[in-house]
N, C-alpha and C. Protein backbone atom coordinates (compact mmCIF):
# COMPACT_ATOMS: atom_id res chain seq x y z
N UNK A 1 26.81 -0.07 -15.18
CA UNK A 1 26.42 0.23 -13.82
C UNK A 1 24.90 0.18 -13.75
N UNK A 2 24.38 -0.46 -12.73
CA UNK A 2 22.94 -0.59 -12.58
C UNK A 2 22.41 0.50 -11.65
N UNK A 3 21.24 0.99 -11.98
CA UNK A 3 20.59 1.99 -11.16
C UNK A 3 19.30 1.42 -10.61
N UNK A 4 18.99 1.70 -9.36
CA UNK A 4 17.76 1.19 -8.74
C UNK A 4 16.55 1.99 -9.17
N UNK A 5 15.42 1.34 -9.19
CA UNK A 5 14.16 1.99 -9.50
C UNK A 5 13.29 2.03 -8.25
N UNK A 6 12.29 2.88 -8.29
CA UNK A 6 11.35 2.92 -7.19
C UNK A 6 10.61 1.60 -7.10
N UNK A 7 10.44 1.11 -5.90
CA UNK A 7 9.76 -0.16 -5.68
C UNK A 7 8.33 -0.13 -6.22
N UNK A 8 7.64 0.98 -6.09
CA UNK A 8 6.23 1.04 -6.50
C UNK A 8 6.06 0.83 -8.00
N UNK A 9 7.10 1.09 -8.79
CA UNK A 9 7.00 0.88 -10.22
C UNK A 9 7.21 -0.59 -10.59
N UNK A 10 7.94 -1.30 -9.76
CA UNK A 10 8.24 -2.69 -10.07
C UNK A 10 7.22 -3.64 -9.48
N UNK A 11 6.86 -3.43 -8.24
CA UNK A 11 5.95 -4.34 -7.54
C UNK A 11 4.82 -3.52 -6.93
N UNK A 12 3.62 -3.63 -7.47
CA UNK A 12 2.51 -2.89 -6.87
C UNK A 12 2.15 -3.46 -5.51
N UNK A 13 1.56 -2.66 -4.63
CA UNK A 13 1.17 -3.17 -3.32
C UNK A 13 0.11 -4.25 -3.45
N UNK A 14 0.07 -5.15 -2.51
CA UNK A 14 -0.89 -6.26 -2.52
C UNK A 14 -1.94 -6.02 -1.43
N UNK A 15 -3.10 -5.48 -1.79
CA UNK A 15 -4.13 -5.21 -0.78
C UNK A 15 -4.88 -6.46 -0.36
N UNK A 16 -5.49 -6.39 0.79
CA UNK A 16 -6.39 -7.44 1.27
C UNK A 16 -7.77 -7.10 0.70
N UNK A 17 -8.22 -7.85 -0.30
CA UNK A 17 -9.47 -7.55 -0.97
C UNK A 17 -10.68 -7.80 -0.08
N UNK A 18 -10.53 -8.63 0.92
CA UNK A 18 -11.60 -8.84 1.89
C UNK A 18 -11.90 -7.57 2.66
N UNK A 19 -10.84 -6.83 3.03
CA UNK A 19 -11.01 -5.57 3.74
C UNK A 19 -11.52 -4.48 2.81
N UNK A 20 -11.17 -4.55 1.54
CA UNK A 20 -11.51 -3.51 0.58
C UNK A 20 -12.92 -3.66 0.02
N UNK A 21 -13.55 -4.79 0.21
CA UNK A 21 -14.82 -5.11 -0.45
C UNK A 21 -15.86 -3.99 -0.37
N UNK A 22 -16.08 -3.39 0.79
CA UNK A 22 -17.13 -2.37 0.95
C UNK A 22 -16.57 -0.96 1.09
N UNK A 23 -15.33 -0.74 0.73
CA UNK A 23 -14.70 0.57 0.89
C UNK A 23 -15.20 1.54 -0.19
N UNK A 24 -15.65 2.70 0.24
CA UNK A 24 -16.13 3.71 -0.70
C UNK A 24 -14.98 4.54 -1.27
N UNK A 25 -13.85 4.55 -0.60
CA UNK A 25 -12.71 5.34 -1.06
C UNK A 25 -12.04 4.71 -2.27
N UNK A 26 -11.77 3.41 -2.21
CA UNK A 26 -11.05 2.72 -3.31
C UNK A 26 -11.99 1.87 -4.16
N UNK A 27 -13.27 1.84 -3.79
CA UNK A 27 -14.29 1.09 -4.55
C UNK A 27 -14.00 -0.40 -4.62
N UNK A 28 -13.39 -0.92 -3.56
CA UNK A 28 -13.14 -2.36 -3.48
C UNK A 28 -11.83 -2.82 -4.08
N UNK A 29 -11.03 -1.91 -4.59
CA UNK A 29 -9.74 -2.31 -5.19
C UNK A 29 -8.64 -2.47 -4.15
N UNK A 30 -8.71 -1.70 -3.08
CA UNK A 30 -7.69 -1.77 -2.04
C UNK A 30 -6.50 -0.89 -2.29
N UNK A 31 -6.42 -0.30 -3.48
CA UNK A 31 -5.33 0.62 -3.80
C UNK A 31 -5.89 1.89 -4.43
N UNK A 32 -5.10 2.94 -4.39
CA UNK A 32 -5.42 4.19 -5.03
C UNK A 32 -4.25 4.59 -5.91
N UNK A 33 -4.52 5.35 -6.96
CA UNK A 33 -3.46 5.83 -7.85
C UNK A 33 -3.13 7.27 -7.44
N UNK A 34 -1.86 7.53 -7.20
CA UNK A 34 -1.43 8.87 -6.80
C UNK A 34 -1.36 9.79 -8.03
N UNK A 35 -1.11 11.06 -7.77
CA UNK A 35 -0.97 12.02 -8.88
C UNK A 35 0.23 11.69 -9.78
N UNK A 36 1.20 10.98 -9.20
CA UNK A 36 2.39 10.59 -9.97
C UNK A 36 2.17 9.30 -10.74
N UNK A 37 1.00 8.69 -10.58
CA UNK A 37 0.71 7.46 -11.29
C UNK A 37 1.13 6.20 -10.56
N UNK A 38 1.56 6.34 -9.30
CA UNK A 38 1.95 5.20 -8.50
C UNK A 38 0.72 4.62 -7.80
N UNK A 39 0.76 3.33 -7.53
CA UNK A 39 -0.31 2.69 -6.75
C UNK A 39 0.13 2.64 -5.30
N UNK A 40 -0.79 2.97 -4.40
CA UNK A 40 -0.52 2.84 -2.98
C UNK A 40 -1.74 2.24 -2.32
N UNK A 41 -1.54 1.60 -1.17
CA UNK A 41 -2.64 1.00 -0.45
C UNK A 41 -3.62 2.08 0.00
N UNK A 42 -4.90 1.74 -0.01
CA UNK A 42 -5.94 2.65 0.42
C UNK A 42 -5.79 2.91 1.93
N UNK A 43 -5.80 4.16 2.33
CA UNK A 43 -5.61 4.51 3.73
C UNK A 43 -6.87 4.27 4.55
N UNK A 44 -8.00 4.11 3.89
CA UNK A 44 -9.26 3.92 4.60
C UNK A 44 -9.49 2.46 5.00
N UNK A 45 -9.13 1.50 4.15
CA UNK A 45 -9.48 0.11 4.42
C UNK A 45 -8.31 -0.83 4.63
N UNK A 46 -7.11 -0.42 4.29
CA UNK A 46 -5.94 -1.30 4.42
C UNK A 46 -5.12 -0.90 5.64
N UNK A 47 -4.69 -1.88 6.42
CA UNK A 47 -3.86 -1.57 7.58
C UNK A 47 -2.51 -1.01 7.13
N UNK A 48 -1.95 -0.15 7.95
CA UNK A 48 -0.64 0.43 7.65
C UNK A 48 0.42 -0.65 7.77
N UNK A 49 1.18 -0.94 6.69
CA UNK A 49 2.20 -2.00 6.76
C UNK A 49 3.27 -1.71 7.80
N UNK A 50 3.48 -0.47 8.16
CA UNK A 50 4.48 -0.11 9.17
C UNK A 50 4.04 -0.58 10.54
N UNK A 51 2.72 -0.63 10.79
CA UNK A 51 2.24 -1.04 12.10
C UNK A 51 2.64 -2.47 12.43
N UNK A 52 2.59 -3.36 11.45
CA UNK A 52 2.93 -4.75 11.69
C UNK A 52 4.42 -4.99 11.78
N UNK A 53 5.20 -4.21 11.06
CA UNK A 53 6.64 -4.45 10.99
C UNK A 53 7.43 -3.45 11.84
N UNK A 54 6.87 -2.31 12.13
CA UNK A 54 7.62 -1.24 12.76
C UNK A 54 7.82 -1.39 14.25
N UNK A 55 7.09 -2.29 14.89
CA UNK A 55 7.21 -2.38 16.34
C UNK A 55 8.60 -2.85 16.75
N UNK A 56 9.18 -3.79 16.03
CA UNK A 56 10.53 -4.28 16.36
C UNK A 56 11.58 -3.24 15.98
N UNK A 57 11.37 -2.54 14.87
CA UNK A 57 12.35 -1.57 14.41
C UNK A 57 12.36 -0.32 15.29
N UNK A 58 11.20 0.06 15.86
CA UNK A 58 11.15 1.27 16.66
C UNK A 58 11.58 1.03 18.11
N UNK A 59 11.70 -0.25 18.49
CA UNK A 59 12.13 -0.56 19.83
C UNK A 59 11.01 -0.58 20.84
N UNK A 60 9.76 -0.51 20.39
CA UNK A 60 8.61 -0.53 21.30
C UNK A 60 8.21 -1.94 21.65
């Protein structure tokens, strides 16, 4: 029987390095490491992925 893993462990997020270039929060990497050791997109310089995809799902 196969068990699923968290997506963040298998595929790290892909930041836009052009947006991250001058960011003081992530120092140009576009991602931050959480306390759990997962990588997530920087909230200061990267657009929220839900904003681009969530408009159709939310019905707006």
